[in-house]
Amino acid sequence: MEKPNDFDVNDLIEYLQGTCMTLDEGINDLYPDCDSMILTTDDHTAIDNEIFLCEDCDWWYEICEQSEDEPTKCKDCAGDDE
């Protein structure tokens, strides 16, 4: 599967943020007939530097919403005091 010429990882990041869809769903919505296999290491790094998927509530959050004590969870799910 080839990466579409118009692929932009920033569009994918913006599309996923604030949703509970999977990475593959987001990619397929933006780039039909594609899935996460089109992503390069650089694409994964770009995504990881901007957003993360909370393991408890399955929502994509900005990195600033990541729990310091439990980095796989958002602050709300981890019960972090703000």
Protein backbone atom coordinates (compact mmCIF):
# COMPACT_ATOMS: atom_id res chain seq x y z
CA MET A 1 0.00 0.00 0.00
CA GLU A 2 1.46 3.32 -1.04
CA LYS A 3 1.16 6.55 0.89
CA PRO A 4 -1.10 9.02 -0.97
CA ASN A 5 0.69 11.99 -2.53
CA ASP A 6 -1.52 14.39 -0.58
CA PHE A 7 -0.85 12.70 2.80
CA ASP A 8 -0.18 15.19 5.61
CA VAL A 9 0.45 13.84 9.09
CA ASN A 10 -0.67 17.16 10.60
CA ASP A 11 -4.10 16.75 9.01
CA LEU A 12 -4.30 13.30 10.59
CA ILE A 13 -3.28 14.65 14.01
CA GLU A 14 -5.93 17.39 13.85
CA TYR A 15 -8.54 14.89 12.67
CA LEU A 16 -7.89 12.40 15.48
CA GLN A 17 -7.57 14.89 18.36
CA GLY A 18 -10.69 14.90 20.52
CA THR A 19 -12.10 11.69 19.06
CA CYS A 20 -12.22 8.07 20.12
CA MET A 21 -11.59 6.59 16.68
CA THR A 22 -8.72 4.25 16.00
CA LEU A 23 -5.64 5.34 14.09
CA ASP A 24 -6.72 3.16 11.16
CA GLU A 25 -10.23 4.70 11.16
CA GLY A 26 -8.79 8.21 11.04
CA ILE A 27 -6.42 7.36 8.23
CA ASN A 28 -9.13 5.59 6.24
CA ASP A 29 -11.54 8.53 6.66
CA LEU A 30 -8.97 10.97 5.30
CA TYR A 31 -7.29 8.64 2.82
CA PRO A 32 -9.73 5.95 1.65
CA ASP A 33 -8.37 2.43 1.28
CA CYS A 34 -5.35 3.25 3.49
CA ASP A 35 -4.46 2.20 7.02
CA SER A 36 -1.62 2.70 9.50
CA MET A 37 0.73 0.63 7.35
CA ILE A 38 1.37 3.79 5.27
CA LEU A 39 2.87 5.59 8.27
CA THR A 40 6.61 6.00 8.52
CA THR A 41 8.63 6.17 11.71
CA ASP A 42 8.72 9.95 11.27
CA ASP A 43 4.92 10.02 11.00
CA HIS A 44 4.57 8.02 14.23
CA THR A 45 7.03 10.36 15.94
CA ALA A 46 5.09 13.42 14.78
CA ILE A 47 1.85 11.91 16.10
CA ASP A 48 3.45 10.93 19.42
CA ASN A 49 4.85 14.45 19.86
CA GLU A 50 1.41 16.05 19.49
CA ILE A 51 -1.32 13.66 20.69
CA PHE A 52 -1.77 10.42 22.60
CA LEU A 53 -4.54 7.87 23.04
CA CYS A 54 -5.67 7.46 26.66
CA GLU A 55 -5.70 3.76 27.54
CA ASP A 56 -8.71 4.21 29.85
CA CYS A 57 -11.19 6.40 27.96
CA ASP A 58 -9.84 5.80 24.42
CA TRP A 59 -9.84 9.51 23.52
CA TRP A 60 -7.05 11.25 21.64
CA TYR A 61 -5.66 14.15 23.68
CA GLU A 62 -3.00 16.79 23.24
CA ILE A 63 0.24 15.88 24.98
CA CYS A 64 -0.35 18.64 27.55
CA GLU A 65 -3.33 16.60 28.85
CA GLN A 66 -1.14 13.56 29.57
CA SER A 67 -0.82 12.49 33.20
CA GLU A 68 2.64 12.99 34.64
CA ASP A 69 2.27 9.98 36.94
CA GLU A 70 0.58 7.68 34.42
CA PRO A 71 1.70 8.73 30.92
CA THR A 72 -0.63 6.27 29.15
CA LYS A 73 -3.65 8.08 30.63
CA CYS A 74 -5.19 11.53 30.41
CA LYS A 75 -5.17 13.70 33.53
CA ASP A 76 -8.88 13.07 34.12
CA CYS A 77 -8.59 9.27 34.04
CA ALA A 78 -5.44 9.30 36.15
CA GLY A 79 -7.05 11.61 38.70
CA ASP A 80 -4.32 14.23 38.45
CA ASP A 81 -5.04 17.38 40.43
CA GLU A 82 -4.76 20.52 38.37
